[in-house]
Amino acid sequence: MAVPKRKTSKARRDSRRANYKATAPNVSACPQCGEPILSHRACGKCGYYNGRKAVDIKEKELAN
């Protein structure tokens, strides 16, 4: 079984871990209503996807 001959230094260990980064989600504007939406998903406001109505959106009634 392979065993390291020397202890890995903190600088070498930390520089290896420095390449992991979180990426922001790709957000684009809905061509129908202009709302920001995630790619490849139906719009939550108007329900359109790829130029067609995909989901029926019910208007939420405001509770007083």
PDB file of N, CA and C in Angstrom:
ATOM      1  N   MET A   1       0.837  -1.175   0.000  1.00  0.00           N
ATOM      2  CA  MET A   1       0.000   0.000   0.000  1.00  0.00           C
ATOM      3  C   MET A   1       0.888   1.246   0.000  1.00  0.00           C
ATOM      4  N   ALA A   2       0.533   2.226  -0.827  1.00  0.00           N
ATOM      5  CA  ALA A   2       1.347   3.434  -0.950  1.00  0.00           C
ATOM      6  C   ALA A   2       1.127   4.346   0.246  1.00  0.00           C
ATOM      7  N   VAL A   3       2.243   4.789   0.826  1.00  0.00           N
ATOM      8  CA  VAL A   3       2.197   5.679   1.988  1.00  0.00           C
ATOM      9  C   VAL A   3       3.086   6.883   1.682  1.00  0.00           C
ATOM     10  N   PRO A   4       2.642   8.116   1.996  1.00  0.00           N
ATOM     11  CA  PRO A   4       3.489   9.278   1.727  1.00  0.00           C
ATOM     12  C   PRO A   4       4.777   9.215   2.541  1.00  0.00           C
ATOM     13  N   LYS A   5       5.881   9.601   1.920  1.00  0.00           N
ATOM     14  CA  LYS A   5       7.167   9.586   2.597  1.00  0.00           C
ATOM     15  C   LYS A   5       7.321  10.790   3.519  1.00  0.00           C
ATOM     16  N   ARG A   6       6.744  11.927   3.122  1.00  0.00           N
ATOM     17  CA  ARG A   6       6.820  13.148   3.930  1.00  0.00           C
ATOM     18  C   ARG A   6       5.421  13.710   4.153  1.00  0.00           C
ATOM     19  N   LYS A   7       5.286  14.483   5.219  1.00  0.00           N
ATOM     20  CA  LYS A   7       4.018  15.156   5.513  1.00  0.00           C
ATOM     21  C   LYS A   7       3.759  16.224   4.445  1.00  0.00           C
ATOM     22  N   THR A   8       2.519  16.294   3.943  1.00  0.00           N
ATOM     23  CA  THR A   8       2.160  17.324   2.971  1.00  0.00           C
ATOM     24  C   THR A   8       2.090  18.668   3.683  1.00  0.00           C
ATOM     25  N   SER A   9       2.792  19.659   3.148  1.00  0.00           N
ATOM     26  CA  SER A   9       2.824  20.975   3.797  1.00  0.00           C
ATOM     27  C   SER A   9       1.465  21.656   3.682  1.00  0.00           C
ATOM     28  N   LYS A  10       1.248  22.614   4.574  1.00  0.00           N
ATOM     29  CA  LYS A  10      -0.024  23.345   4.577  1.00  0.00           C
ATOM     30  C   LYS A  10      -0.204  24.133   3.283  1.00  0.00           C
ATOM     31  N   ALA A  11       0.884  24.689   2.766  1.00  0.00           N
ATOM     32  CA  ALA A  11       0.800  25.470   1.532  1.00  0.00           C
ATOM     33  C   ALA A  11       0.392  24.584   0.352  1.00  0.00           C
ATOM     34  N   ARG A  12       0.985  23.401   0.258  1.00  0.00           N
ATOM     35  CA  ARG A  12       0.642  22.487  -0.840  1.00  0.00           C
ATOM     36  C   ARG A  12      -0.791  21.985  -0.703  1.00  0.00           C
ATOM     37  N   ARG A  13      -1.199  21.650   0.516  1.00  0.00           N
ATOM     38  CA  ARG A  13      -2.558  21.188   0.773  1.00  0.00           C
ATOM     39  C   ARG A  13      -3.572  22.281   0.448  1.00  0.00           C
ATOM     40  N   ASP A  14      -3.314  23.515   0.912  1.00  0.00           N
ATOM     41  CA  ASP A  14      -4.267  24.600   0.717  1.00  0.00           C
ATOM     42  C   ASP A  14      -4.329  25.066  -0.731  1.00  0.00           C
ATOM     43  N   SER A  15      -3.200  25.016  -1.444  1.00  0.00           N
ATOM     44  CA  SER A  15      -3.232  25.414  -2.850  1.00  0.00           C
ATOM     45  C   SER A  15      -4.011  24.403  -3.683  1.00  0.00           C
ATOM     46  N   ARG A  16      -4.023  23.162  -3.288  1.00  0.00           N
ATOM     47  CA  ARG A  16      -4.821  22.154  -3.981  1.00  0.00           C
ATOM     48  C   ARG A  16      -6.301  22.397  -3.738  1.00  0.00           C
ATOM     49  N   ARG A  17      -6.652  22.841  -2.542  1.00  0.00           N
ATOM     50  CA  ARG A  17      -8.054  23.086  -2.201  1.00  0.00           C
ATOM     51  C   ARG A  17      -8.572  24.426  -2.730  1.00  0.00           C
ATOM     52  N   ALA A  18      -7.689  25.300  -3.210  1.00  0.00           N
ATOM     53  CA  ALA A  18      -8.081  26.646  -3.629  1.00  0.00           C
ATOM     54  C   ALA A  18      -8.842  26.651  -4.949  1.00  0.00           C
ATOM     55  N   ASN A  19      -8.852  25.547  -5.692  1.00  0.00           N
ATOM     56  CA  ASN A  19      -9.486  25.535  -7.004  1.00  0.00           C
ATOM     57  C   ASN A  19     -10.972  25.249  -6.957  1.00  0.00           C
ATOM     58  N   TYR A  20     -11.516  24.908  -5.801  1.00  0.00           N
ATOM     59  CA  TYR A  20     -12.939  24.634  -5.689  1.00  0.00           C
ATOM     60  C   TYR A  20     -13.670  25.948  -5.468  1.00  0.00           C
ATOM     61  N   LYS A  21     -14.581  26.289  -6.395  1.00  0.00           N
ATOM     62  CA  LYS A  21     -15.334  27.529  -6.283  1.00  0.00           C
ATOM     63  C   LYS A  21     -16.799  27.246  -6.591  1.00  0.00           C
ATOM     64  N   ALA A  22     -17.674  27.933  -5.904  1.00  0.00           N
ATOM     65  CA  ALA A  22     -19.091  27.854  -6.215  1.00  0.00           C
ATOM     66  C   ALA A  22     -19.373  28.760  -7.408  1.00  0.00           C
ATOM     67  N   THR A  23     -20.256  28.323  -8.304  1.00  0.00           N
ATOM     68  CA  THR A  23     -20.596  29.129  -9.473  1.00  0.00           C
ATOM     69  C   THR A  23     -22.016  29.650  -9.328  1.00  0.00           C
ATOM     70  N   ALA A  24     -22.239  30.843  -9.834  1.00  0.00           N
ATOM     71  CA  ALA A  24     -23.569  31.449  -9.790  1.00  0.00           C
ATOM     72  C   ALA A  24     -24.460  30.769 -10.832  1.00  0.00           C
ATOM     73  N   PRO A  25     -25.768  30.636 -10.547  1.00  0.00           N
ATOM     74  CA  PRO A  25     -26.660  30.010 -11.526  1.00  0.00           C
ATOM     75  C   PRO A  25     -26.832  30.898 -12.756  1.00  0.00           C
ATOM     76  N   ASN A  26     -27.048  30.261 -13.914  1.00  0.00           N
ATOM     77  CA  ASN A  26     -27.262  31.000 -15.157  1.00  0.00           C
ATOM     78  C   ASN A  26     -28.699  31.486 -15.201  1.00  0.00           C
ATOM     79  N   VAL A  27     -28.851  32.800 -15.142  1.00  0.00           N
ATOM     80  CA  VAL A  27     -30.177  33.413 -15.136  1.00  0.00           C
ATOM     81  C   VAL A  27     -30.339  34.201 -16.423  1.00  0.00           C
ATOM     82  N   SER A  28     -31.489  34.013 -17.088  1.00  0.00           N
ATOM     83  CA  SER A  28     -31.779  34.765 -18.299  1.00  0.00           C
ATOM     84  C   SER A  28     -33.180  35.359 -18.173  1.00  0.00           C
ATOM     85  N   ALA A  29     -33.518  36.252 -19.076  1.00  0.00           N
ATOM     86  CA  ALA A  29     -34.829  36.904 -19.048  1.00  0.00           C
ATOM     87  C   ALA A  29     -35.827  36.080 -19.852  1.00  0.00           C
ATOM     88  N   CYS A  30     -37.045  35.979 -19.352  1.00  0.00           N
ATOM     89  CA  CYS A  30     -38.131  35.292 -20.063  1.00  0.00           C
ATOM     90  C   CYS A  30     -38.497  36.128 -21.293  1.00  0.00           C
ATOM     91  N   PRO A  31     -38.571  35.513 -22.488  1.00  0.00           N
ATOM     92  CA  PRO A  31     -38.909  36.302 -23.674  1.00  0.00           C
ATOM     93  C   PRO A  31     -40.357  36.799 -23.676  1.00  0.00           C
ATOM     94  N   GLN A  32     -41.245  36.167 -22.905  1.00  0.00           N
ATOM     95  CA  GLN A  32     -42.648  36.582 -22.876  1.00  0.00           C
ATOM     96  C   GLN A  32     -42.886  37.753 -21.939  1.00  0.00           C
ATOM     97  N   CYS A  33     -42.416  37.606 -20.681  1.00  0.00           N
ATOM     98  CA  CYS A  33     -42.744  38.620 -19.674  1.00  0.00           C
ATOM     99  C   CYS A  33     -41.530  39.377 -19.157  1.00  0.00           C
ATOM    100  N   GLY A  34     -40.315  38.907 -19.446  1.00  0.00           N
ATOM    101  CA  GLY A  34     -39.123  39.606 -19.017  1.00  0.00           C
ATOM    102  C   GLY A  34     -38.642  39.269 -17.620  1.00  0.00           C
ATOM    103  N   GLU A  35     -39.312  38.343 -16.932  1.00  0.00           N
ATOM    104  CA  GLU A  35     -38.899  37.927 -15.579  1.00  0.00           C
ATOM    105  C   GLU A  35     -37.588  37.153 -15.652  1.00  0.00           C
ATOM    106  N   PRO A  36     -36.718  37.279 -14.653  1.00  0.00           N
ATOM    107  CA  PRO A  36     -35.514  36.448 -14.643  1.00  0.00           C
ATOM    108  C   PRO A  36     -35.863  34.996 -14.316  1.00  0.00           C
ATOM    109  N   ILE A  37     -35.370  34.062 -15.136  1.00  0.00           N
ATOM    110  CA  ILE A  37     -35.664  32.636 -14.944  1.00  0.00           C
ATOM    111  C   ILE A  37     -34.373  31.840 -15.089  1.00  0.00           C
ATOM    112  N   LEU A  38     -34.350  30.642 -14.516  1.00  0.00           N
ATOM    113  CA  LEU A  38     -33.240  29.721 -14.711  1.00  0.00           C
ATOM    114  C   LEU A  38     -33.352  29.085 -16.100  1.00  0.00           C
ATOM    115  N   SER A  39     -32.228  28.728 -16.675  1.00  0.00           N
ATOM    116  CA  SER A  39     -32.211  28.135 -18.005  1.00  0.00           C
ATOM    117  C   SER A  39     -32.913  26.780 -18.011  1.00  0.00           C
ATOM    118  N   HIS A  40     -33.573  26.469 -19.093  1.00  0.00           N
ATOM    119  CA  HIS A  40     -34.243  25.178 -19.330  1.00  0.00           C
ATOM    120  C   HIS A  40     -35.335  24.893 -18.309  1.00  0.00           C
ATOM    121  N   ARG A  41     -36.045  25.931 -17.881  1.00  0.00           N
ATOM    122  CA  ARG A  41     -37.163  25.772 -16.960  1.00  0.00           C
ATOM    123  C   ARG A  41     -38.291  26.687 -17.396  1.00  0.00           C
ATOM    124  N   ALA A  42     -39.527  26.281 -17.110  1.00  0.00           N
ATOM    125  CA  ALA A  42     -40.675  27.115 -17.439  1.00  0.00           C
ATOM    126  C   ALA A  42     -40.687  28.337 -16.528  1.00  0.00           C
ATOM    127  N   CYS A  43     -41.174  29.443 -17.059  1.00  0.00           N
ATOM    128  CA  CYS A  43     -41.236  30.689 -16.293  1.00  0.00           C
ATOM    129  C   CYS A  43     -42.274  30.536 -15.185  1.00  0.00           C
ATOM    130  N   GLY A  44     -41.915  30.950 -13.991  1.00  0.00           N
ATOM    131  CA  GLY A  44     -42.835  30.852 -12.860  1.00  0.00           C
ATOM    132  C   GLY A  44     -43.915  31.910 -12.870  1.00  0.00           C
ATOM    133  N   LYS A  45     -43.704  32.978 -13.623  1.00  0.00           N
ATOM    134  CA  LYS A  45     -44.677  34.064 -13.652  1.00  0.00           C
ATOM    135  C   LYS A  45     -45.725  33.867 -14.740  1.00  0.00           C
ATOM    136  N   CYS A  46     -45.282  33.543 -15.970  1.00  0.00           N
ATOM    137  CA  CYS A  46     -46.240  33.419 -17.074  1.00  0.00           C
ATOM    138  C   CYS A  46     -46.481  31.965 -17.497  1.00  0.00           C
ATOM    139  N   GLY A  47     -45.595  31.036 -17.140  1.00  0.00           N
ATOM    140  CA  GLY A  47     -45.794  29.625 -17.455  1.00  0.00           C
ATOM    141  C   GLY A  47     -45.333  29.216 -18.841  1.00  0.00           C
ATOM    142  N   TYR A  48     -44.623  30.069 -19.558  1.00  0.00           N
ATOM    143  CA  TYR A  48     -44.165  29.744 -20.906  1.00  0.00           C
ATOM    144  C   TYR A  48     -42.798  29.085 -20.875  1.00  0.00           C
ATOM    145  N   TYR A  49     -42.575  28.161 -21.807  1.00  0.00           N
ATOM    146  CA  TYR A  49     -41.265  27.551 -22.021  1.00  0.00           C
ATOM    147  C   TYR A  49     -41.110  27.301 -23.501  1.00  0.00           C
ATOM    148  N   ASN A  50     -40.007  27.764 -24.070  1.00  0.00           N
ATOM    149  CA  ASN A  50     -39.683  27.561 -25.480  1.00  0.00           C
ATOM    150  C   ASN A  50     -40.777  28.104 -26.401  1.00  0.00           C
ATOM    151  N   GLY A  51     -41.367  29.243 -26.021  1.00  0.00           N
ATOM    152  CA  GLY A  51     -42.362  29.895 -26.862  1.00  0.00           C
ATOM    153  C   GLY A  51     -43.763  29.324 -26.769  1.00  0.00           C
ATOM    154  N   ARG A  52     -43.974  28.326 -25.915  1.00  0.00           N
ATOM    155  CA  ARG A  52     -45.302  27.718 -25.775  1.00  0.00           C
ATOM    156  C   ARG A  52     -45.738  27.751 -24.325  1.00  0.00           C
ATOM    157  N   LYS A  53     -47.048  27.737 -24.093  1.00  0.00           N
ATOM    158  CA  LYS A  53     -47.591  27.685 -22.738  1.00  0.00           C
ATOM    159  C   LYS A  53     -47.362  26.276 -22.198  1.00  0.00           C
ATOM    160  N   ALA A  54     -46.594  26.154 -21.127  1.00  0.00           N
ATOM    161  CA  ALA A  54     -46.241  24.847 -20.585  1.00  0.00           C
ATOM    162  C   ALA A  54     -46.968  24.570 -19.281  1.00  0.00           C
ATOM    163  N   VAL A  55     -47.205  25.611 -18.483  1.00  0.00           N
ATOM    164  CA  VAL A  55     -47.789  25.437 -17.160  1.00  0.00           C
ATOM    165  C   VAL A  55     -48.883  26.482 -16.974  1.00  0.00           C
ATOM    166  N   ASP A  56     -50.008  26.063 -16.410  1.00  0.00           N
ATOM    167  CA  ASP A  56     -51.053  27.026 -16.058  1.00  0.00           C
ATOM    168  C   ASP A  56     -50.711  27.615 -14.694  1.00  0.00           C
ATOM    169  N   ILE A  57     -50.601  28.937 -14.643  1.00  0.00           N
ATOM    170  CA  ILE A  57     -50.253  29.631 -13.415  1.00  0.00           C
ATOM    171  C   ILE A  57     -51.526  30.219 -12.830  1.00  0.00           C
ATOM    172  N   LYS A  58     -51.794  29.891 -11.568  1.00  0.00           N
ATOM    173  CA  LYS A  58     -52.953  30.451 -10.881  1.00  0.00           C
ATOM    174  C   LYS A  58     -52.497  31.669 -10.112  1.00  0.00           C
ATOM    175  N   GLU A  59     -53.277  32.730 -10.190  1.00  0.00           N
ATOM    176  CA  GLU A  59     -52.970  33.967  -9.467  1.00  0.00           C
ATOM    177  C   GLU A  59     -53.225  33.737  -7.989  1.00  0.00           C
ATOM    178  N   LYS A  60     -52.259  34.156  -7.160  1.00  0.00           N
ATOM    179  CA  LYS A  60     -52.427  34.036  -5.722  1.00  0.00           C
ATOM    180  C   LYS A  60     -53.275  35.190  -5.215  1.00  0.00           C
ATOM    181  N   GLU A  61     -54.268  34.861  -4.398  1.00  0.00           N
ATOM    182  CA  GLU A  61     -55.099  35.908  -3.824  1.00  0.00           C
ATOM    183  C   GLU A  61     -54.409  36.406  -2.557  1.00  0.00           C
ATOM    184  N   LEU A  62     -54.404  37.700  -2.389  1.00  0.00           N
ATOM    185  CA  LEU A  62     -53.790  38.285  -1.202  1.00  0.00           C
ATOM    186  C   LEU A  62     -54.709  38.098  -0.005  1.00  0.00           C
ATOM    187  N   ALA A  63     -54.173  37.515   1.050  1.00  0.00           N
ATOM    188  CA  ALA A  63     -54.956  37.316   2.278  1.00  0.00           C
ATOM    189  C   ALA A  63     -54.926  38.604   3.082  1.00  0.00           C
ATOM    190  N   ASN A  64     -56.094  39.099   3.459  1.00  0.00           N
ATOM    191  CA  ASN A  64     -56.174  40.331   4.255  1.00  0.00           C
ATOM    192  C   ASN A  64     -56.214  40.028   5.722  1.00  0.00           C
TER     193      ASN A  64
END
